[in-house]
PDB file of N, CA and C in Angstrom:
ATOM      1  N   MET A   1       0.842  -1.178   0.000  1.00  0.00           N
ATOM      2  CA  MET A   1       0.000   0.000   0.000  1.00  0.00           C
ATOM      3  C   MET A   1       0.893   1.249   0.000  1.00  0.00           C
ATOM      4  N   PRO A   2       0.564   2.250  -0.819  1.00  0.00           N
ATOM      5  CA  PRO A   2       1.361   3.475  -0.867  1.00  0.00           C
ATOM      6  C   PRO A   2       1.325   4.218   0.471  1.00  0.00           C
ATOM      7  N   GLU A   3       2.456   4.853   0.792  1.00  0.00           N
ATOM      8  CA  GLU A   3       2.507   5.635   2.020  1.00  0.00           C
ATOM      9  C   GLU A   3       1.804   6.972   1.818  1.00  0.00           C
ATOM     10  N   LYS A   4       1.228   7.481   2.894  1.00  0.00           N
ATOM     11  CA  LYS A   4       0.592   8.790   2.870  1.00  0.00           C
ATOM     12  C   LYS A   4       1.656   9.841   3.174  1.00  0.00           C
ATOM     13  N   PRO A   5       1.459  11.088   2.715  1.00  0.00           N
ATOM     14  CA  PRO A   5       2.454  12.135   2.977  1.00  0.00           C
ATOM     15  C   PRO A   5       2.805  12.282   4.454  1.00  0.00           C
ATOM     16  N   LEU A   6       1.812  12.229   5.334  1.00  0.00           N
ATOM     17  CA  LEU A   6       2.110  12.372   6.761  1.00  0.00           C
ATOM     18  C   LEU A   6       2.945  11.205   7.282  1.00  0.00           C
ATOM     19  N   ASP A   7       2.754  10.011   6.717  1.00  0.00           N
ATOM     20  CA  ASP A   7       3.570   8.861   7.113  1.00  0.00           C
ATOM     21  C   ASP A   7       5.038   9.086   6.738  1.00  0.00           C
ATOM     22  N   LEU A   8       5.256   9.653   5.557  1.00  0.00           N
ATOM     23  CA  LEU A   8       6.622   9.930   5.114  1.00  0.00           C
ATOM     24  C   LEU A   8       7.279  10.982   5.999  1.00  0.00           C
ATOM     25  N   ILE A   9       6.532  12.022   6.346  1.00  0.00           N
ATOM     26  CA  ILE A   9       7.076  13.059   7.224  1.00  0.00           C
ATOM     27  C   ILE A   9       7.347  12.476   8.603  1.00  0.00           C
ATOM     28  N   HIS A  10       6.397  11.732   9.141  1.00  0.00           N
ATOM     29  CA  HIS A  10       6.566  11.146  10.472  1.00  0.00           C
ATOM     30  C   HIS A  10       7.792  10.226  10.521  1.00  0.00           C
ATOM     31  N   GLY A  11       8.035   9.521   9.448  1.00  0.00           N
ATOM     32  CA  GLY A  11       9.176   8.623   9.387  1.00  0.00           C
ATOM     33  C   GLY A  11      10.521   9.348   9.433  1.00  0.00           C
ATOM     34  N   ASN A  12      10.506  10.662   9.205  1.00  0.00           N
ATOM     35  CA  ASN A  12      11.743  11.444   9.233  1.00  0.00           C
ATOM     36  C   ASN A  12      11.884  12.302  10.482  1.00  0.00           C
ATOM     37  N   LEU A  13      10.977  12.128  11.454  1.00  0.00           N
ATOM     38  CA  LEU A  13      11.102  12.864  12.713  1.00  0.00           C
ATOM     39  C   LEU A  13      12.459  12.577  13.346  1.00  0.00           C
ATOM     40  N   ASP A  14      13.080  13.602  13.870  1.00  0.00           N
ATOM     41  CA  ASP A  14      14.393  13.514  14.521  1.00  0.00           C
ATOM     42  C   ASP A  14      15.519  13.154  13.557  1.00  0.00           C
ATOM     43  N   ASN A  15      15.263  13.251  12.268  1.00  0.00           N
ATOM     44  CA  ASN A  15      16.291  13.011  11.254  1.00  0.00           C
ATOM     45  C   ASN A  15      16.588  14.309  10.508  1.00  0.00           C
ATOM     46  N   LYS A  16      17.776  14.371   9.920  1.00  0.00           N
ATOM     47  CA  LYS A  16      18.168  15.546   9.148  1.00  0.00           C
ATOM     48  C   LYS A  16      17.433  15.535   7.808  1.00  0.00           C
ATOM     49  N   ILE A  17      16.860  16.691   7.452  1.00  0.00           N
ATOM     50  CA  ILE A  17      16.115  16.815   6.198  1.00  0.00           C
ATOM     51  C   ILE A  17      16.554  18.074   5.459  1.00  0.00           C
ATOM     52  N   SER A  18      16.175  18.133   4.204  1.00  0.00           N
ATOM     53  CA  SER A  18      16.361  19.309   3.366  1.00  0.00           C
ATOM     54  C   SER A  18      14.979  19.751   2.899  1.00  0.00           C
ATOM     55  N   VAL A  19      14.681  21.035   3.076  1.00  0.00           N
ATOM     56  CA  VAL A  19      13.385  21.578   2.669  1.00  0.00           C
ATOM     57  C   VAL A  19      13.626  22.640   1.602  1.00  0.00           C
ATOM     58  N   GLN A  20      13.068  22.427   0.421  1.00  0.00           N
ATOM     59  CA  GLN A  20      13.157  23.403  -0.662  1.00  0.00           C
ATOM     60  C   GLN A  20      12.011  24.390  -0.505  1.00  0.00           C
ATOM     61  N   LEU A  21      12.327  25.689  -0.514  1.00  0.00           N
ATOM     62  CA  LEU A  21      11.318  26.728  -0.347  1.00  0.00           C
ATOM     63  C   LEU A  21      10.903  27.311  -1.691  1.00  0.00           C
ATOM     64  N   LYS A  22       9.734  27.949  -1.717  1.00  0.00           N
ATOM     65  CA  LYS A  22       9.193  28.546  -2.939  1.00  0.00           C
ATOM     66  C   LYS A  22      10.153  29.529  -3.593  1.00  0.00           C
ATOM     67  N   ASP A  23      10.881  30.283  -2.770  1.00  0.00           N
ATOM     68  CA  ASP A  23      11.754  31.326  -3.315  1.00  0.00           C
ATOM     69  C   ASP A  23      13.120  30.804  -3.756  1.00  0.00           C
ATOM     70  N   GLY A  24      13.299  29.477  -3.762  1.00  0.00           N
ATOM     71  CA  GLY A  24      14.535  28.880  -4.241  1.00  0.00           C
ATOM     72  C   GLY A  24      15.560  28.599  -3.160  1.00  0.00           C
ATOM     73  N   ARG A  25      15.345  29.122  -1.962  1.00  0.00           N
ATOM     74  CA  ARG A  25      16.278  28.844  -0.872  1.00  0.00           C
ATOM     75  C   ARG A  25      16.026  27.442  -0.325  1.00  0.00           C
ATOM     76  N   GLU A  26      16.989  26.965   0.458  1.00  0.00           N
ATOM     77  CA  GLU A  26      16.893  25.628   1.048  1.00  0.00           C
ATOM     78  C   GLU A  26      17.161  25.738   2.547  1.00  0.00           C
ATOM     79  N   ILE A  27      16.417  24.974   3.326  1.00  0.00           N
ATOM     80  CA  ILE A  27      16.646  24.862   4.759  1.00  0.00           C
ATOM     81  C   ILE A  27      17.086  23.431   5.038  1.00  0.00           C
ATOM     82  N   ILE A  28      18.201  23.294   5.749  1.00  0.00           N
ATOM     83  CA  ILE A  28      18.685  21.982   6.167  1.00  0.00           C
ATOM     84  C   ILE A  28      18.665  21.958   7.685  1.00  0.00           C
ATOM     85  N   GLY A  29      18.119  20.896   8.250  1.00  0.00           N
ATOM     86  CA  GLY A  29      18.077  20.780   9.702  1.00  0.00           C
ATOM     87  C   GLY A  29      17.395  19.495  10.128  1.00  0.00           C
ATOM     88  N   VAL A  30      17.146  19.391  11.418  1.00  0.00           N
ATOM     89  CA  VAL A  30      16.530  18.197  11.999  1.00  0.00           C
ATOM     90  C   VAL A  30      15.031  18.437  12.162  1.00  0.00           C
ATOM     91  N   LEU A  31      14.223  17.552  11.591  1.00  0.00           N
ATOM     92  CA  LEU A  31      12.768  17.674  11.714  1.00  0.00           C
ATOM     93  C   LEU A  31      12.358  17.377  13.150  1.00  0.00           C
ATOM     94  N   ALA A  32      11.924  18.419  13.864  1.00  0.00           N
ATOM     95  CA  ALA A  32      11.562  18.280  15.279  1.00  0.00           C
ATOM     96  C   ALA A  32      10.064  18.076  15.469  1.00  0.00           C
ATOM     97  N   GLY A  33       9.246  18.483  14.489  1.00  0.00           N
ATOM     98  CA  GLY A  33       7.805  18.322  14.615  1.00  0.00           C
ATOM     99  C   GLY A  33       7.079  18.813  13.378  1.00  0.00           C
ATOM    100  N   TYR A  34       5.778  18.535  13.333  1.00  0.00           N
ATOM    101  CA  TYR A  34       4.927  18.947  12.220  1.00  0.00           C
ATOM    102  C   TYR A  34       3.489  18.914  12.708  1.00  0.00           C
ATOM    103  N   ASP A  35       2.591  19.523  11.930  1.00  0.00           N
ATOM    104  CA  ASP A  35       1.172  19.424  12.249  1.00  0.00           C
ATOM    105  C   ASP A  35       0.410  18.930  11.024  1.00  0.00           C
ATOM    106  N   LEU A  36      -0.892  18.805  11.150  1.00  0.00           N
ATOM    107  CA  LEU A  36      -1.703  18.254  10.057  1.00  0.00           C
ATOM    108  C   LEU A  36      -1.777  19.169   8.841  1.00  0.00           C
ATOM    109  N   ASP A  37      -1.388  20.440   9.001  1.00  0.00           N
ATOM    110  CA  ASP A  37      -1.343  21.377   7.872  1.00  0.00           C
ATOM    111  C   ASP A  37       0.014  21.365   7.178  1.00  0.00           C
ATOM    112  N   PHE A  38       0.929  20.508   7.641  1.00  0.00           N
ATOM    113  CA  PHE A  38       2.290  20.389   7.108  1.00  0.00           C
ATOM    114  C   PHE A  38       3.193  21.563   7.477  1.00  0.00           C
ATOM    115  N   ASN A  39       2.847  22.323   8.527  1.00  0.00           N
ATOM    116  CA  ASN A  39       3.799  23.275   9.086  1.00  0.00           C
ATOM    117  C   ASN A  39       4.889  22.446   9.752  1.00  0.00           C
ATOM    118  N   LEU A  40       6.143  22.867   9.614  1.00  0.00           N
ATOM    119  CA  LEU A  40       7.268  22.080  10.103  1.00  0.00           C
ATOM    120  C   LEU A  40       8.062  22.840  11.153  1.00  0.00           C
ATOM    121  N   THR A  41       8.484  22.153  12.196  1.00  0.00           N
ATOM    122  CA  THR A  41       9.436  22.700  13.155  1.00  0.00           C
ATOM    123  C   THR A  41      10.781  22.054  12.849  1.00  0.00           C
ATOM    124  N   ILE A  42      11.775  22.897  12.580  1.00  0.00           N
ATOM    125  CA  ILE A  42      13.109  22.429  12.220  1.00  0.00           C
ATOM    126  C   ILE A  42      14.089  22.893  13.293  1.00  0.00           C
ATOM    127  N   ASP A  43      14.845  21.961  13.846  1.00  0.00           N
ATOM    128  CA  ASP A  43      15.868  22.276  14.842  1.00  0.00           C
ATOM    129  C   ASP A  43      17.236  22.291  14.155  1.00  0.00           C
ATOM    130  N   LYS A  44      18.144  23.105  14.680  1.00  0.00           N
ATOM    131  CA  LYS A  44      19.499  23.233  14.113  1.00  0.00           C
ATOM    132  C   LYS A  44      19.424  23.599  12.632  1.00  0.00           C
ATOM    133  N   ALA A  45      18.500  24.513  12.291  1.00  0.00           N
ATOM    134  CA  ALA A  45      18.257  24.888  10.900  1.00  0.00           C
ATOM    135  C   ALA A  45      19.392  25.741  10.338  1.00  0.00           C
ATOM    136  N   THR A  46      19.718  25.473   9.087  1.00  0.00           N
ATOM    137  CA  THR A  46      20.681  26.270   8.334  1.00  0.00           C
ATOM    138  C   THR A  46      20.027  26.692   7.033  1.00  0.00           C
ATOM    139  N   LEU A  47      20.083  27.985   6.732  1.00  0.00           N
ATOM    140  CA  LEU A  47      19.568  28.519   5.476  1.00  0.00           C
ATOM    141  C   LEU A  47      20.679  28.459   4.447  1.00  0.00           C
ATOM    142  N   VAL A  48      20.376  27.907   3.277  1.00  0.00           N
ATOM    143  CA  VAL A  48      21.341  27.829   2.187  1.00  0.00           C
ATOM    144  C   VAL A  48      20.764  28.599   1.006  1.00  0.00           C
ATOM    145  N   ASP A  49      21.521  29.611   0.545  1.00  0.00           N
ATOM    146  CA  ASP A  49      21.098  30.363  -0.635  1.00  0.00           C
ATOM    147  C   ASP A  49      22.334  30.777  -1.423  1.00  0.00           C
ATOM    148  N   GLN A  50      22.166  31.671  -2.387  1.00  0.00           N
ATOM    149  CA  GLN A  50      23.271  32.086  -3.253  1.00  0.00           C
ATOM    150  C   GLN A  50      24.378  32.794  -2.485  1.00  0.00           C
ATOM    151  N   GLU A  51      24.047  33.351  -1.338  1.00  0.00           N
ATOM    152  CA  GLU A  51      25.034  34.084  -0.542  1.00  0.00           C
ATOM    153  C   GLU A  51      25.811  33.177   0.405  1.00  0.00           C
ATOM    154  N   GLY A  52      25.431  31.924   0.507  1.00  0.00           N
ATOM    155  CA  GLY A  52      26.123  30.986   1.384  1.00  0.00           C
ATOM    156  C   GLY A  52      25.190  30.334   2.381  1.00  0.00           C
ATOM    157  N   ARG A  53      25.710  30.091   3.594  1.00  0.00           N
ATOM    158  CA  ARG A  53      24.954  29.408   4.649  1.00  0.00           C
ATOM    159  C   ARG A  53      24.829  30.324   5.856  1.00  0.00           C
ATOM    160  N   LYS A  54      23.680  30.207   6.534  1.00  0.00           N
ATOM    161  CA  LYS A  54      23.453  31.000   7.740  1.00  0.00           C
ATOM    162  C   LYS A  54      22.709  30.134   8.748  1.00  0.00           C
ATOM    163  N   GLY A  55      23.274  29.978   9.945  1.00  0.00           N
ATOM    164  CA  GLY A  55      22.619  29.215  11.001  1.00  0.00           C
ATOM    165  C   GLY A  55      21.414  29.964  11.543  1.00  0.00           C
ATOM    166  N   LEU A  56      20.295  29.269  11.700  1.00  0.00           N
ATOM    167  CA  LEU A  56      19.053  29.888  12.167  1.00  0.00           C
ATOM    168  C   LEU A  56      18.582  29.351  13.510  1.00  0.00           C
ATOM    169  N   GLY A  57      19.107  28.219  13.941  1.00  0.00           N
ATOM    170  CA  GLY A  57      18.636  27.618  15.190  1.00  0.00           C
ATOM    171  C   GLY A  57      17.333  26.870  14.975  1.00  0.00           C
ATOM    172  N   LYS A  58      16.382  27.034  15.894  1.00  0.00           N
ATOM    173  CA  LYS A  58      15.081  26.355  15.792  1.00  0.00           C
ATOM    174  C   LYS A  58      14.091  27.293  15.104  1.00  0.00           C
ATOM    175  N   ILE A  59      13.417  26.795  14.068  1.00  0.00           N
ATOM    176  CA  ILE A  59      12.470  27.612  13.307  1.00  0.00           C
ATOM    177  C   ILE A  59      11.185  26.835  13.038  1.00  0.00           C
ATOM    178  N   VAL A  60      10.152  27.568  12.646  1.00  0.00           N
ATOM    179  CA  VAL A  60       8.900  26.980  12.172  1.00  0.00           C
ATOM    180  C   VAL A  60       8.711  27.430  10.733  1.00  0.00           C
ATOM    181  N   LEU A  61       8.497  26.478   9.835  1.00  0.00           N
ATOM    182  CA  LEU A  61       8.228  26.783   8.432  1.00  0.00           C
ATOM    183  C   LEU A  61       6.739  26.626   8.171  1.00  0.00           C
ATOM    184  N   ARG A  62       6.141  27.676   7.659  1.00  0.00           N
ATOM    185  CA  ARG A  62       4.726  27.622   7.303  1.00  0.00           C
ATOM    186  C   ARG A  62       4.571  26.793   6.027  1.00  0.00           C
ATOM    187  N   HIS A  63       3.535  25.983   5.996  1.00  0.00           N
ATOM    188  CA  HIS A  63       3.339  25.013   4.906  1.00  0.00           C
ATOM    189  C   HIS A  63       3.316  25.633   3.516  1.00  0.00           C
ATOM    190  N   ASN A  64       2.805  26.851   3.381  1.00  0.00           N
ATOM    191  CA  ASN A  64       2.664  27.427   2.038  1.00  0.00           C
ATOM    192  C   ASN A  64       3.995  27.894   1.448  1.00  0.00           C
ATOM    193  N   ASN A  65       5.076  27.848   2.213  1.00  0.00           N
ATOM    194  CA  ASN A  65       6.404  28.198   1.701  1.00  0.00           C
ATOM    195  C   ASN A  65       7.203  26.984   1.247  1.00  0.00           C
ATOM    196  N   VAL A  66       6.699  25.785   1.530  1.00  0.00           N
ATOM    197  CA  VAL A  66       7.445  24.550   1.281  1.00  0.00           C
ATOM    198  C   VAL A  66       7.086  23.970  -0.091  1.00  0.00           C
ATOM    199  N   VAL A  67       8.128  23.671  -0.880  1.00  0.00           N
ATOM    200  CA  VAL A  67       7.933  23.022  -2.176  1.00  0.00           C
ATOM    201  C   VAL A  67       8.168  21.522  -2.051  1.00  0.00           C
ATOM    202  N   SER A  68       9.257  21.143  -1.361  1.00  0.00           N
ATOM    203  CA  SER A  68       9.558  19.719  -1.206  1.00  0.00           C
ATOM    204  C   SER A  68      10.355  19.480   0.069  1.00  0.00           C
ATOM    205  N   ILE A  69      10.271  18.241   0.536  1.00  0.00           N
ATOM    206  CA  ILE A  69      10.987  17.800   1.733  1.00  0.00           C
ATOM    207  C   ILE A  69      11.667  16.484   1.372  1.00  0.00           C
ATOM    208  N   LYS A  70      12.964  16.371   1.721  1.00  0.00           N
ATOM    209  CA  LYS A  70      13.656  15.110   1.449  1.00  0.00           C
ATOM    210  C   LYS A  70      14.670  14.832   2.547  1.00  0.00           C
ATOM    211  N   PRO A  71      14.963  13.561   2.776  1.00  0.00           N
ATOM    212  CA  PRO A  71      16.005  13.220   3.751  1.00  0.00           C
ATOM    213  C   PRO A  71      17.338  13.802   3.289  1.00  0.00           C
ATOM    214  N   PHE A  72      18.185  14.172   4.228  1.00  0.00           N
ATOM    215  CA  PHE A  72      19.477  14.768   3.873  1.00  0.00           C
ATOM    216  C   PHE A  72      20.605  13.819   4.200  1.00  0.00           C
TER     217      PHE A  72
END
């Protein structure tokens, strides 16, 4: 049986992930939590863009900014 999106996200809890954002930037960090709307809490987050990398600490990503999520 195919996995549901929430099952895939749940399977990556406490693991390092890469999140592609709508504006082309990428967030790399540890998936600390999520809700049913696909808002994500990322711990030890690092922003990666054309200017380099910037540590962000713990952040919450609103679902409408997320394009894709993958294990890192």
